[in-house]
Amino acid sequence: MSTIKRIGTEANPNMSAANVYNGVVYLRGLTDPSGRDLVSQTKNNLAEADRLLAEAGTDKSRLLTADIWLKDAQSGYGPMNAIWASWIDPNNKPTRTCVQADLASPGLLVEIQLTAALP
């Protein structure tokens, strides 16, 4: 039976930052409540994704799926997508969903959840 490796459990009493199980890394929904705007929140979320993926032993070239929630898809999709396109490994794109959602707090403009394979 495979064991579950839990990463970042001390930072939040309600969840792990990432879990690794059966060769797959599952990141929590990444948010940046301190970010001033959609651009900074998206960049900070993706920087945190890089950090967590590295801690788990993988990187963005191994992404399997991405789920993105935007507070306002009409105004936010273009700016978020431009940052995503510059961040993503162009030779190893994950499947992706992007939807509009009423996020957990008024200051949150984007939330990103990723899964990746270990090498």
PDB file of N, CA and C in Angstrom:
ATOM      1  N   MET A   1       0.845  -1.177   0.000  1.00  0.00           N
ATOM      2  CA  MET A   1       0.000   0.000   0.000  1.00  0.00           C
ATOM      3  C   MET A   1       0.891   1.241   0.000  1.00  0.00           C
ATOM      4  N   SER A   2       0.561   2.216  -0.814  1.00  0.00           N
ATOM      5  CA  SER A   2       1.313   3.468  -0.881  1.00  0.00           C
ATOM      6  C   SER A   2       0.989   4.344   0.306  1.00  0.00           C
ATOM      7  N   THR A   3       2.001   5.061   0.754  1.00  0.00           N
ATOM      8  CA  THR A   3       1.774   6.023   1.829  1.00  0.00           C
ATOM      9  C   THR A   3       1.505   7.390   1.219  1.00  0.00           C
ATOM     10  N   ILE A   4       0.892   8.243   2.012  1.00  0.00           N
ATOM     11  CA  ILE A   4       0.610   9.611   1.590  1.00  0.00           C
ATOM     12  C   ILE A   4       1.635  10.521   2.243  1.00  0.00           C
ATOM     13  N   LYS A   5       2.305  11.323   1.444  1.00  0.00           N
ATOM     14  CA  LYS A   5       3.220  12.339   1.958  1.00  0.00           C
ATOM     15  C   LYS A   5       2.459  13.660   1.970  1.00  0.00           C
ATOM     16  N   ARG A   6       2.380  14.272   3.136  1.00  0.00           N
ATOM     17  CA  ARG A   6       1.669  15.542   3.283  1.00  0.00           C
ATOM     18  C   ARG A   6       2.678  16.667   3.470  1.00  0.00           C
ATOM     19  N   ILE A   7       2.529  17.729   2.692  1.00  0.00           N
ATOM     20  CA  ILE A   7       3.452  18.865   2.704  1.00  0.00           C
ATOM     21  C   ILE A   7       2.708  20.102   3.192  1.00  0.00           C
ATOM     22  N   GLY A   8       3.364  20.874   4.057  1.00  0.00           N
ATOM     23  CA  GLY A   8       2.807  22.156   4.481  1.00  0.00           C
ATOM     24  C   GLY A   8       1.607  22.051   5.394  1.00  0.00           C
ATOM     25  N   THR A   9       1.589  21.059   6.260  1.00  0.00           N
ATOM     26  CA  THR A   9       0.440  20.898   7.162  1.00  0.00           C
ATOM     27  C   THR A   9       0.463  21.886   8.317  1.00  0.00           C
ATOM     28  N   GLU A  10       1.627  22.457   8.631  1.00  0.00           N
ATOM     29  CA  GLU A  10       1.731  23.364   9.764  1.00  0.00           C
ATOM     30  C   GLU A  10       1.187  24.766   9.446  1.00  0.00           C
ATOM     31  N   ALA A  11       1.111  25.131   8.188  1.00  0.00           N
ATOM     32  CA  ALA A  11       0.700  26.486   7.806  1.00  0.00           C
ATOM     33  C   ALA A  11      -0.799  26.737   7.968  1.00  0.00           C
ATOM     34  N   ASN A  12      -1.606  25.697   7.883  1.00  0.00           N
ATOM     35  CA  ASN A  12      -3.057  25.875   7.933  1.00  0.00           C
ATOM     36  C   ASN A  12      -3.651  24.701   8.711  1.00  0.00           C
ATOM     37  N   PRO A  13      -4.489  24.992   9.703  1.00  0.00           N
ATOM     38  CA  PRO A  13      -5.058  23.898  10.492  1.00  0.00           C
ATOM     39  C   PRO A  13      -6.078  23.047   9.739  1.00  0.00           C
ATOM     40  N   ASN A  14      -6.518  23.516   8.566  1.00  0.00           N
ATOM     41  CA  ASN A  14      -7.594  22.840   7.847  1.00  0.00           C
ATOM     42  C   ASN A  14      -7.151  21.976   6.672  1.00  0.00           C
ATOM     43  N   MET A  15      -5.876  22.125   6.232  1.00  0.00           N
ATOM     44  CA  MET A  15      -5.488  21.412   5.010  1.00  0.00           C
ATOM     45  C   MET A  15      -3.975  21.323   4.882  1.00  0.00           C
ATOM     46  N   SER A  16      -3.561  20.448   3.982  1.00  0.00           N
ATOM     47  CA  SER A  16      -2.162  20.377   3.559  1.00  0.00           C
ATOM     48  C   SER A  16      -1.984  21.327   2.383  1.00  0.00           C
ATOM     49  N   ALA A  17      -0.758  21.809   2.200  1.00  0.00           N
ATOM     50  CA  ALA A  17      -0.463  22.614   1.015  1.00  0.00           C
ATOM     51  C   ALA A  17      -0.375  21.712  -0.222  1.00  0.00           C
ATOM     52  N   ALA A  18       0.085  20.480  -0.006  1.00  0.00           N
ATOM     53  CA  ALA A  18       0.178  19.507  -1.094  1.00  0.00           C
ATOM     54  C   ALA A  18       0.197  18.103  -0.490  1.00  0.00           C
ATOM     55  N   ASN A  19      -0.289  17.159  -1.274  1.00  0.00           N
ATOM     56  CA  ASN A  19      -0.216  15.745  -0.915  1.00  0.00           C
ATOM     57  C   ASN A  19       0.372  14.983  -2.084  1.00  0.00           C
ATOM     58  N   VAL A  20       1.181  13.979  -1.769  1.00  0.00           N
ATOM     59  CA  VAL A  20       1.767  13.125  -2.791  1.00  0.00           C
ATOM     60  C   VAL A  20       1.284  11.704  -2.527  1.00  0.00           C
ATOM     61  N   TYR A  21       0.703  11.095  -3.561  1.00  0.00           N
ATOM     62  CA  TYR A  21       0.179   9.737  -3.419  1.00  0.00           C
ATOM     63  C   TYR A  21       0.259   9.025  -4.766  1.00  0.00           C
ATOM     64  N   ASN A  22       0.801   7.817  -4.750  1.00  0.00           N
ATOM     65  CA  ASN A  22       0.879   6.981  -5.959  1.00  0.00           C
ATOM     66  C   ASN A  22       1.491   7.725  -7.148  1.00  0.00           C
ATOM     67  N   GLY A  23       2.531   8.507  -6.906  1.00  0.00           N
ATOM     68  CA  GLY A  23       3.223   9.192  -7.986  1.00  0.00           C
ATOM     69  C   GLY A  23       2.554  10.446  -8.499  1.00  0.00           C
ATOM     70  N   VAL A  24       1.518  10.916  -7.794  1.00  0.00           N
ATOM     71  CA  VAL A  24       0.809  12.128  -8.203  1.00  0.00           C
ATOM     72  C   VAL A  24       0.874  13.153  -7.072  1.00  0.00           C
ATOM     73  N   VAL A  25       1.115  14.413  -7.436  1.00  0.00           N
ATOM     74  CA  VAL A  25       1.152  15.522  -6.491  1.00  0.00           C
ATOM     75  C   VAL A  25      -0.129  16.336  -6.659  1.00  0.00           C
ATOM     76  N   TYR A  26      -0.822  16.536  -5.547  1.00  0.00           N
ATOM     77  CA  TYR A  26      -2.070  17.302  -5.533  1.00  0.00           C
ATOM     78  C   TYR A  26      -1.828  18.576  -4.736  1.00  0.00           C
ATOM     79  N   LEU A  27      -1.888  19.732  -5.396  1.00  0.00           N
ATOM     80  CA  LEU A  27      -1.734  20.999  -4.688  1.00  0.00           C
ATOM     81  C   LEU A  27      -3.091  21.503  -4.220  1.00  0.00           C
ATOM     82  N   ARG A  28      -3.073  22.199  -3.092  1.00  0.00           N
ATOM     83  CA  ARG A  28      -4.283  22.859  -2.614  1.00  0.00           C
ATOM     84  C   ARG A  28      -4.660  23.959  -3.595  1.00  0.00           C
ATOM     85  N   GLY A  29      -5.842  24.530  -3.436  1.00  0.00           N
ATOM     86  CA  GLY A  29      -6.205  25.708  -4.205  1.00  0.00           C
ATOM     87  C   GLY A  29      -5.315  26.859  -3.762  1.00  0.00           C
ATOM     88  N   LEU A  30      -4.542  27.397  -4.688  1.00  0.00           N
ATOM     89  CA  LEU A  30      -3.599  28.463  -4.365  1.00  0.00           C
ATOM     90  C   LEU A  30      -4.276  29.821  -4.479  1.00  0.00           C
ATOM     91  N   THR A  31      -4.191  30.590  -3.412  1.00  0.00           N
ATOM     92  CA  THR A  31      -4.756  31.934  -3.380  1.00  0.00           C
ATOM     93  C   THR A  31      -3.739  32.886  -2.769  1.00  0.00           C
ATOM     94  N   ASP A  32      -3.906  34.165  -3.055  1.00  0.00           N
ATOM     95  CA  ASP A  32      -3.024  35.191  -2.508  1.00  0.00           C
ATOM     96  C   ASP A  32      -3.871  36.368  -2.025  1.00  0.00           C
ATOM     97  N   PRO A  33      -4.362  36.290  -0.778  1.00  0.00           N
ATOM     98  CA  PRO A  33      -5.222  37.358  -0.277  1.00  0.00           C
ATOM     99  C   PRO A  33      -4.505  38.699  -0.127  1.00  0.00           C
ATOM    100  N   SER A  34      -3.173  38.708  -0.111  1.00  0.00           N
ATOM    101  CA  SER A  34      -2.441  39.971   0.028  1.00  0.00           C
ATOM    102  C   SER A  34      -2.179  40.638  -1.316  1.00  0.00           C
ATOM    103  N   GLY A  35      -2.429  39.923  -2.410  1.00  0.00           N
ATOM    104  CA  GLY A  35      -2.180  40.495  -3.737  1.00  0.00           C
ATOM    105  C   GLY A  35      -3.099  41.661  -4.038  1.00  0.00           C
ATOM    106  N   ARG A  36      -2.538  42.692  -4.643  1.00  0.00           N
ATOM    107  CA  ARG A  36      -3.286  43.926  -4.917  1.00  0.00           C
ATOM    108  C   ARG A  36      -4.312  43.767  -6.025  1.00  0.00           C
ATOM    109  N   ASP A  37      -3.961  42.958  -7.021  1.00  0.00           N
ATOM    110  CA  ASP A  37      -4.805  42.859  -8.207  1.00  0.00           C
ATOM    111  C   ASP A  37      -4.684  41.452  -8.796  1.00  0.00           C
ATOM    112  N   LEU A  38      -5.427  41.211  -9.851  1.00  0.00           N
ATOM    113  CA  LEU A  38      -5.439  39.886 -10.480  1.00  0.00           C
ATOM    114  C   LEU A  38      -4.056  39.474 -10.977  1.00  0.00           C
ATOM    115  N   VAL A  39      -3.325  40.391 -11.566  1.00  0.00           N
ATOM    116  CA  VAL A  39      -2.001  40.076 -12.100  1.00  0.00           C
ATOM    117  C   VAL A  39      -1.066  39.627 -10.981  1.00  0.00           C
ATOM    118  N   SER A  40      -0.988  40.400  -9.902  1.00  0.00           N
ATOM    119  CA  SER A  40      -0.086  40.019  -8.811  1.00  0.00           C
ATOM    120  C   SER A  40      -0.541  38.728  -8.142  1.00  0.00           C
ATOM    121  N   GLN A  41      -1.844  38.547  -7.963  1.00  0.00           N
ATOM    122  CA  GLN A  41      -2.336  37.308  -7.355  1.00  0.00           C
ATOM    123  C   GLN A  41      -1.993  36.105  -8.227  1.00  0.00           C
ATOM    124  N   THR A  42      -2.175  36.215  -9.529  1.00  0.00           N
ATOM    125  CA  THR A  42      -1.872  35.101 -10.434  1.00  0.00           C
ATOM    126  C   THR A  42      -0.377  34.781 -10.398  1.00  0.00           C
ATOM    127  N   LYS A  43       0.472  35.804 -10.498  1.00  0.00           N
ATOM    128  CA  LYS A  43       1.920  35.577 -10.462  1.00  0.00           C
ATOM    129  C   LYS A  43       2.348  34.948  -9.146  1.00  0.00           C
ATOM    130  N   ASN A  44       1.816  35.438  -8.035  1.00  0.00           N
ATOM    131  CA  ASN A  44       2.174  34.884  -6.727  1.00  0.00           C
ATOM    132  C   ASN A  44       1.684  33.450  -6.567  1.00  0.00           C
ATOM    133  N   ASN A  45       0.488  33.149  -7.069  1.00  0.00           N
ATOM    134  CA  ASN A  45      -0.022  31.779  -7.005  1.00  0.00           C
ATOM    135  C   ASN A  45       0.873  30.824  -7.797  1.00  0.00           C
ATOM    136  N   LEU A  46       1.319  31.252  -8.970  1.00  0.00           N
ATOM    137  CA  LEU A  46       2.158  30.386  -9.799  1.00  0.00           C
ATOM    138  C   LEU A  46       3.564  30.245  -9.221  1.00  0.00           C
ATOM    139  N   ALA A  47       4.065  31.284  -8.573  1.00  0.00           N
ATOM    140  CA  ALA A  47       5.351  31.166  -7.879  1.00  0.00           C
ATOM    141  C   ALA A  47       5.237  30.168  -6.729  1.00  0.00           C
ATOM    142  N   GLU A  48       4.131  30.220  -6.004  1.00  0.00           N
ATOM    143  CA  GLU A  48       3.902  29.254  -4.921  1.00  0.00           C
ATOM    144  C   GLU A  48       3.749  27.846  -5.494  1.00  0.00           C
ATOM    145  N   ALA A  49       3.117  27.714  -6.651  1.00  0.00           N
ATOM    146  CA  ALA A  49       3.006  26.405  -7.304  1.00  0.00           C
ATOM    147  C   ALA A  49       4.393  25.858  -7.620  1.00  0.00           C
ATOM    148  N   ASP A  50       5.270  26.699  -8.174  1.00  0.00           N
ATOM    149  CA  ASP A  50       6.639  26.257  -8.457  1.00  0.00           C
ATOM    150  C   ASP A  50       7.321  25.758  -7.189  1.00  0.00           C
ATOM    151  N   ARG A  51       7.168  26.495  -6.093  1.00  0.00           N
ATOM    152  CA  ARG A  51       7.799  26.138  -4.826  1.00  0.00           C
ATOM    153  C   ARG A  51       7.280  24.799  -4.304  1.00  0.00           C
ATOM    154  N   LEU A  52       5.957  24.646  -4.290  1.00  0.00           N
ATOM    155  CA  LEU A  52       5.360  23.415  -3.775  1.00  0.00           C
ATOM    156  C   LEU A  52       5.675  22.211  -4.664  1.00  0.00           C
ATOM    157  N   LEU A  53       5.648  22.404  -5.965  1.00  0.00           N
ATOM    158  CA  LEU A  53       5.990  21.311  -6.873  1.00  0.00           C
ATOM    159  C   LEU A  53       7.432  20.868  -6.644  1.00  0.00           C
ATOM    160  N   ALA A  54       8.333  21.822  -6.485  1.00  0.00           N
ATOM    161  CA  ALA A  54       9.739  21.478  -6.220  1.00  0.00           C
ATOM    162  C   ALA A  54       9.879  20.741  -4.895  1.00  0.00           C
ATOM    163  N   GLU A  55       9.166  21.207  -3.866  1.00  0.00           N
ATOM    164  CA  GLU A  55       9.236  20.523  -2.568  1.00  0.00           C
ATOM    165  C   GLU A  55       8.722  19.092  -2.672  1.00  0.00           C
ATOM    166  N   ALA A  56       7.742  18.878  -3.538  1.00  0.00           N
ATOM    167  CA  ALA A  56       7.193  17.530  -3.725  1.00  0.00           C
ATOM    168  C   ALA A  56       8.068  16.667  -4.631  1.00  0.00           C
ATOM    169  N   GLY A  57       9.035  17.277  -5.332  1.00  0.00           N
ATOM    170  CA  GLY A  57       9.926  16.507  -6.187  1.00  0.00           C
ATOM    171  C   GLY A  57       9.574  16.510  -7.656  1.00  0.00           C
ATOM    172  N   THR A  58       8.843  17.535  -8.103  1.00  0.00           N
ATOM    173  CA  THR A  58       8.464  17.599  -9.510  1.00  0.00           C
ATOM    174  C   THR A  58       8.478  19.049  -9.961  1.00  0.00           C
ATOM    175  N   ASP A  59       7.941  19.325 -11.150  1.00  0.00           N
ATOM    176  CA  ASP A  59       7.882  20.705 -11.646  1.00  0.00           C
ATOM    177  C   ASP A  59       6.728  20.847 -12.635  1.00  0.00           C
ATOM    178  N   LYS A  60       6.570  22.068 -13.157  1.00  0.00           N
ATOM    179  CA  LYS A  60       5.416  22.353 -14.017  1.00  0.00           C
ATOM    180  C   LYS A  60       5.428  21.586 -15.338  1.00  0.00           C
ATOM    181  N   SER A  61       6.581  21.037 -15.736  1.00  0.00           N
ATOM    182  CA  SER A  61       6.610  20.223 -16.955  1.00  0.00           C
ATOM    183  C   SER A  61       5.879  18.904 -16.773  1.00  0.00           C
ATOM    184  N   ARG A  62       5.538  18.566 -15.520  1.00  0.00           N
ATOM    185  CA  ARG A  62       4.870  17.303 -15.210  1.00  0.00           C
ATOM    186  C   ARG A  62       3.399  17.508 -14.830  1.00  0.00           C
ATOM    187  N   LEU A  63       2.860  18.719 -15.080  1.00  0.00           N
ATOM    188  CA  LEU A  63       1.460  18.986 -14.735  1.00  0.00           C
ATOM    189  C   LEU A  63       0.519  18.080 -15.516  1.00  0.00           C
ATOM    190  N   LEU A  64      -0.520  17.620 -14.828  1.00  0.00           N
ATOM    191  CA  LEU A  64      -1.568  16.813 -15.450  1.00  0.00           C
ATOM    192  C   LEU A  64      -2.826  17.631 -15.664  1.00  0.00           C
ATOM    193  N   THR A  65      -3.264  18.331 -14.605  1.00  0.00           N
ATOM    194  CA  THR A  65      -4.499  19.115 -14.674  1.00  0.00           C
ATOM    195  C   THR A  65      -4.321  20.455 -13.984  1.00  0.00           C
ATOM    196  N   ALA A  66      -5.139  21.417 -14.399  1.00  0.00           N
ATOM    197  CA  ALA A  66      -5.205  22.725 -13.754  1.00  0.00           C
ATOM    198  C   ALA A  66      -6.666  23.144 -13.703  1.00  0.00           C
ATOM    199  N   ASP A  67      -7.087  23.595 -12.534  1.00  0.00           N
ATOM    200  CA  ASP A  67      -8.422  24.167 -12.366  1.00  0.00           C
ATOM    201  C   ASP A  67      -8.224  25.601 -11.893  1.00  0.00           C
ATOM    202  N   ILE A  68      -8.846  26.541 -12.594  1.00  0.00           N
ATOM    203  CA  ILE A  68      -8.688  27.961 -12.277  1.00  0.00           C
ATOM    204  C   ILE A  68     -10.070  28.570 -12.086  1.00  0.00           C
ATOM    205  N   TRP A  69     -10.209  29.276 -10.971  1.00  0.00           N
ATOM    206  CA  TRP A  69     -11.442  29.993 -10.670  1.00  0.00           C
ATOM    207  C   TRP A  69     -11.142  31.485 -10.664  1.00  0.00           C
ATOM    208  N   LEU A  70     -11.934  32.249 -11.403  1.00  0.00           N
ATOM    209  CA  LEU A  70     -11.785  33.702 -11.473  1.00  0.00           C
ATOM    210  C   LEU A  70     -13.012  34.363 -10.867  1.00  0.00           C
ATOM    211  N   LYS A  71     -12.779  35.418 -10.111  1.00  0.00           N
ATOM    212  CA  LYS A  71     -13.904  36.160  -9.549  1.00  0.00           C
ATOM    213  C   LYS A  71     -14.728  36.796 -10.676  1.00  0.00           C
ATOM    214  N   ASP A  72     -14.039  37.336 -11.689  1.00  0.00           N
ATOM    215  CA  ASP A  72     -14.711  37.955 -12.829  1.00  0.00           C
ATOM    216  C   ASP A  72     -14.057  37.443 -14.103  1.00  0.00           C
ATOM    217  N   ALA A  73     -14.657  36.458 -14.707  1.00  0.00           N
ATOM    218  CA  ALA A  73     -14.071  35.833 -15.889  1.00  0.00           C
ATOM    219  C   ALA A  73     -14.041  36.785 -17.074  1.00  0.00           C
ATOM    220  N   GLN A  74     -15.014  37.651 -17.178  1.00  0.00           N
ATOM    221  CA  GLN A  74     -15.071  38.539 -18.338  1.00  0.00           C
ATOM    222  C   GLN A  74     -13.881  39.494 -18.371  1.00  0.00           C
ATOM    223  N   SER A  75     -13.563  40.118 -17.253  1.00  0.00           N
ATOM    224  CA  SER A  75     -12.428  41.050 -17.241  1.00  0.00           C
ATOM    225  C   SER A  75     -11.113  40.356 -16.878  1.00  0.00           C
ATOM    226  N   GLY A  76     -11.174  39.223 -16.209  1.00  0.00           N
ATOM    227  CA  GLY A  76      -9.962  38.598 -15.713  1.00  0.00           C
ATOM    228  C   GLY A  76      -9.336  37.546 -16.594  1.00  0.00           C
ATOM    229  N   TYR A  77     -10.105  36.975 -17.526  1.00  0.00           N
ATOM    230  CA  TYR A  77      -9.577  35.861 -18.312  1.00  0.00           C
ATOM    231  C   TYR A  77      -8.345  36.248 -19.123  1.00  0.00           C
ATOM    232  N   GLY A  78      -8.407  37.356 -19.825  1.00  0.00           N
ATOM    233  CA  GLY A  78      -7.284  37.789 -20.667  1.00  0.00           C
ATOM    234  C   GLY A  78      -5.998  38.002 -19.884  1.00  0.00           C
ATOM    235  N   PRO A  79      -6.032  38.833 -18.824  1.00  0.00           N
ATOM    236  CA  PRO A  79      -4.804  39.050 -18.040  1.00  0.00           C
ATOM    237  C   PRO A  79      -4.282  37.767 -17.387  1.00  0.00           C
ATOM    238  N   MET A  80      -5.165  36.969 -16.810  1.00  0.00           N
ATOM    239  CA  MET A  80      -4.732  35.722 -16.180  1.00  0.00           C
ATOM    240  C   MET A  80      -4.133  34.789 -17.223  1.00  0.00           C
ATOM    241  N   ASN A  81      -4.776  34.683 -18.374  1.00  0.00           N
ATOM    242  CA  ASN A  81      -4.330  33.761 -19.405  1.00  0.00           C
ATOM    243  C   ASN A  81      -2.967  34.166 -19.970  1.00  0.00           C
ATOM    244  N   ALA A  82      -2.696  35.470 -20.060  1.00  0.00           N
ATOM    245  CA  ALA A  82      -1.390  35.935 -20.538  1.00  0.00           C
ATOM    246  C   ALA A  82      -0.283  35.506 -19.572  1.00  0.00           C
ATOM    247  N   ILE A  83      -0.533  35.628 -18.281  1.00  0.00           N
ATOM    248  CA  ILE A  83       0.447  35.207 -17.279  1.00  0.00           C
ATOM    249  C   ILE A  83       0.605  33.695 -17.325  1.00  0.00           C
ATOM    250  N   TRP A  84      -0.505  32.976 -17.403  1.00  0.00           N
ATOM    251  CA  TRP A  84      -0.468  31.515 -17.486  1.00  0.00           C
ATOM    252  C   TRP A  84       0.372  31.080 -18.687  1.00  0.00           C
ATOM    253  N   ALA A  85       0.125  31.687 -19.846  1.00  0.00           N
ATOM    254  CA  ALA A  85       0.831  31.302 -21.072  1.00  0.00           C
ATOM    255  C   ALA A  85       2.333  31.538 -20.959  1.00  0.00           C
ATOM    256  N   SER A  86       2.738  32.580 -20.237  1.00  0.00           N
ATOM    257  CA  SER A  86       4.171  32.837 -20.079  1.00  0.00           C
ATOM    258  C   SER A  86       4.793  31.917 -19.022  1.00  0.00           C
ATOM    259  N   TRP A  87       3.984  31.358 -18.127  1.00  0.00           N
ATOM    260  CA  TRP A  87       4.479  30.484 -17.060  1.00  0.00           C
ATOM    261  C   TRP A  87       4.522  29.021 -17.472  1.00  0.00           C
ATOM    262  N   ILE A  88       3.519  28.571 -18.179  1.00  0.00           N
ATOM    263  CA  ILE A  88       3.357  27.154 -18.467  1.00  0.00           C
ATOM    264  C   ILE A  88       4.482  26.641 -19.379  1.00  0.00           C
ATOM    265  N   ASP A  89       4.863  25.389 -19.219  1.00  0.00           N
ATOM    266  CA  ASP A  89       5.823  24.759 -20.116  1.00  0.00           C
ATOM    267  C   ASP A  89       5.098  24.512 -21.446  1.00  0.00           C
ATOM    268  N   PRO A  90       5.505  25.196 -22.528  1.00  0.00           N
ATOM    269  CA  PRO A  90       4.748  25.083 -23.784  1.00  0.00           C
ATOM    270  C   PRO A  90       4.772  23.696 -24.400  1.00  0.00           C
ATOM    271  N   ASN A  91       5.721  22.860 -23.991  1.00  0.00           N
ATOM    272  CA  ASN A  91       5.806  21.504 -24.536  1.00  0.00           C
ATOM    273  C   ASN A  91       5.083  20.471 -23.685  1.00  0.00           C
ATOM    274  N   ASN A  92       4.566  20.900 -22.529  1.00  0.00           N
ATOM    275  CA  ASN A  92       3.925  19.957 -21.603  1.00  0.00           C
ATOM    276  C   ASN A  92       2.716  20.604 -20.946  1.00  0.00           C
ATOM    277  N   LYS A  93       1.727  20.921 -21.733  1.00  0.00           N
ATOM    278  CA  LYS A  93       0.541  21.611 -21.225  1.00  0.00           C
ATOM    279  C   LYS A  93      -0.414  20.625 -20.558  1.00  0.00           C
ATOM    280  N   PRO A  94      -0.944  21.001 -19.391  1.00  0.00           N
ATOM    281  CA  PRO A  94      -1.940  20.152 -18.734  1.00  0.00           C
ATOM    282  C   PRO A  94      -3.319  20.374 -19.352  1.00  0.00           C
ATOM    283  N   THR A  95      -4.254  19.524 -19.005  1.00  0.00           N
ATOM    284  CA  THR A  95      -5.642  19.866 -19.288  1.00  0.00           C
ATOM    285  C   THR A  95      -6.000  21.004 -18.345  1.00  0.00           C
ATOM    286  N   ARG A  96      -6.979  21.814 -18.709  1.00  0.00           N
ATOM    287  CA  ARG A  96      -7.282  22.975 -17.875  1.00  0.00           C
ATOM    288  C   ARG A  96      -8.765  23.328 -17.934  1.00  0.00           C
ATOM    289  N   THR A  97      -9.272  23.737 -16.790  1.00  0.00           N
ATOM    290  CA  THR A  97     -10.612  24.281 -16.668  1.00  0.00           C
ATOM    291  C   THR A  97     -10.473  25.679 -16.103  1.00  0.00           C
ATOM    292  N   CYS A  98     -11.261  26.621 -16.601  1.00  0.00           N
ATOM    293  CA  CYS A  98     -11.251  27.975 -16.060  1.00  0.00           C
ATOM    294  C   CYS A  98     -12.695  28.460 -16.013  1.00  0.00           C
ATOM    295  N   VAL A  99     -13.161  28.794 -14.813  1.00  0.00           N
ATOM    296  CA  VAL A  99     -14.541  29.217 -14.634  1.00  0.00           C
ATOM    297  C   VAL A  99     -14.624  30.440 -13.724  1.00  0.00           C
ATOM    298  N   GLN A 100     -15.749  31.092 -13.777  1.00  0.00           N
ATOM    299  CA  GLN A 100     -16.031  32.194 -12.858  1.00  0.00           C
ATOM    300  C   GLN A 100     -16.649  31.621 -11.593  1.00  0.00           C
ATOM    301  N   ALA A 101     -16.250  32.180 -10.442  1.00  0.00           N
ATOM    302  CA  ALA A 101     -16.769  31.677  -9.170  1.00  0.00           C
ATOM    303  C   ALA A 101     -16.787  32.782  -8.129  1.00  0.00           C
ATOM    304  N   ASP A 102     -17.716  32.664  -7.206  1.00  0.00           N
ATOM    305  CA  ASP A 102     -17.759  33.538  -6.045  1.00  0.00           C
ATOM    306  C   ASP A 102     -16.747  32.983  -5.050  1.00  0.00           C
ATOM    307  N   LEU A 103     -15.554  33.574  -4.999  1.00  0.00           N
ATOM    308  CA  LEU A 103     -14.462  33.035  -4.184  1.00  0.00           C
ATOM    309  C   LEU A 103     -14.688  33.314  -2.706  1.00  0.00           C
ATOM    310  N   ALA A 104     -13.886  32.662  -1.857  1.00  0.00           N
ATOM    311  CA  ALA A 104     -14.123  32.615  -0.410  1.00  0.00           C
ATOM    312  C   ALA A 104     -14.064  33.956   0.307  1.00  0.00           C
ATOM    313  N   SER A 105     -13.319  34.920  -0.217  1.00  0.00           N
ATOM    314  CA  SER A 105     -13.294  36.239   0.416  1.00  0.00           C
ATOM    315  C   SER A 105     -13.279  37.308  -0.674  1.00  0.00           C
ATOM    316  N   PRO A 106     -13.754  38.500  -0.346  1.00  0.00           N
ATOM    317  CA  PRO A 106     -13.911  39.549  -1.363  1.00  0.00           C
ATOM    318  C   PRO A 106     -12.618  39.947  -2.076  1.00  0.00           C
ATOM    319  N   GLY A 107     -11.464  39.843  -1.398  1.00  0.00           N
ATOM    320  CA  GLY A 107     -10.202  40.240  -2.008  1.00  0.00           C
ATOM    321  C   GLY A 107      -9.594  39.223  -2.945  1.00  0.00           C
ATOM    322  N   LEU A 108     -10.107  37.998  -2.919  1.00  0.00           N
ATOM    323  CA  LEU A 108      -9.564  36.965  -3.803  1.00  0.00           C
ATOM    324  C   LEU A 108     -10.115  37.138  -5.212  1.00  0.00           C
ATOM    325  N   LEU A 109      -9.210  37.176  -6.188  1.00  0.00           N
ATOM    326  CA  LEU A 109      -9.607  37.360  -7.579  1.00  0.00           C
ATOM    327  C   LEU A 109      -9.349  36.131  -8.436  1.00  0.00           C
ATOM    328  N   VAL A 110      -8.475  35.226  -7.938  1.00  0.00           N
ATOM    329  CA  VAL A 110      -8.146  34.009  -8.682  1.00  0.00           C
ATOM    330  C   VAL A 110      -7.710  32.925  -7.698  1.00  0.00           C
ATOM    331  N   GLU A 111      -8.091  31.702  -8.009  1.00  0.00           N
ATOM    332  CA  GLU A 111      -7.623  30.535  -7.267  1.00  0.00           C
ATOM    333  C   GLU A 111      -7.205  29.490  -8.289  1.00  0.00           C
ATOM    334  N   ILE A 112      -6.048  28.849  -8.037  1.00  0.00           N
ATOM    335  CA  ILE A 112      -5.484  27.886  -8.980  1.00  0.00           C
ATOM    336  C   ILE A 112      -5.169  26.592  -8.243  1.00  0.00           C
ATOM    337  N   GLN A 113      -5.652  25.469  -8.773  1.00  0.00           N
ATOM    338  CA  GLN A 113      -5.370  24.140  -8.191  1.00  0.00           C
ATOM    339  C   GLN A 113      -4.738  23.291  -9.271  1.00  0.00           C
ATOM    340  N   LEU A 114      -3.644  22.620  -8.927  1.00  0.00           N
ATOM    341  CA  LEU A 114      -2.888  21.838  -9.893  1.00  0.00           C
ATOM    342  C   LEU A 114      -2.642  20.415  -9.414  1.00  0.00           C
ATOM    343  N   THR A 115      -2.526  19.489 -10.351  1.00  0.00           N
ATOM    344  CA  THR A 115      -2.028  18.157 -10.066  1.00  0.00           C
ATOM    345  C   THR A 115      -0.871  17.883 -11.027  1.00  0.00           C
ATOM    346  N   ALA A 116       0.114  17.130 -10.541  1.00  0.00           N
ATOM    347  CA  ALA A 116       1.290  16.837 -11.367  1.00  0.00           C
ATOM    348  C   ALA A 116       1.779  15.424 -11.065  1.00  0.00           C
ATOM    349  N   ALA A 117       2.474  14.855 -12.028  1.00  0.00           N
ATOM    350  CA  ALA A 117       3.096  13.549 -11.837  1.00  0.00           C
ATOM    351  C   ALA A 117       4.509  13.723 -11.316  1.00  0.00           C
ATOM    352  N   LEU A 118       4.951  12.754 -10.540  1.00  0.00           N
ATOM    353  CA  LEU A 118       6.358  12.717 -10.156  1.00  0.00           C
ATOM    354  C   LEU A 118       7.155  12.167 -11.331  1.00  0.00           C
ATOM    355  N   PRO A 119       8.439  12.530 -11.429  1.00  0.00           N
ATOM    356  CA  PRO A 119       9.277  11.973 -12.514  1.00  0.00           C
ATOM    357  C   PRO A 119       9.440  10.463 -12.371  1.00  0.00           C
TER     358      PRO A 119
END
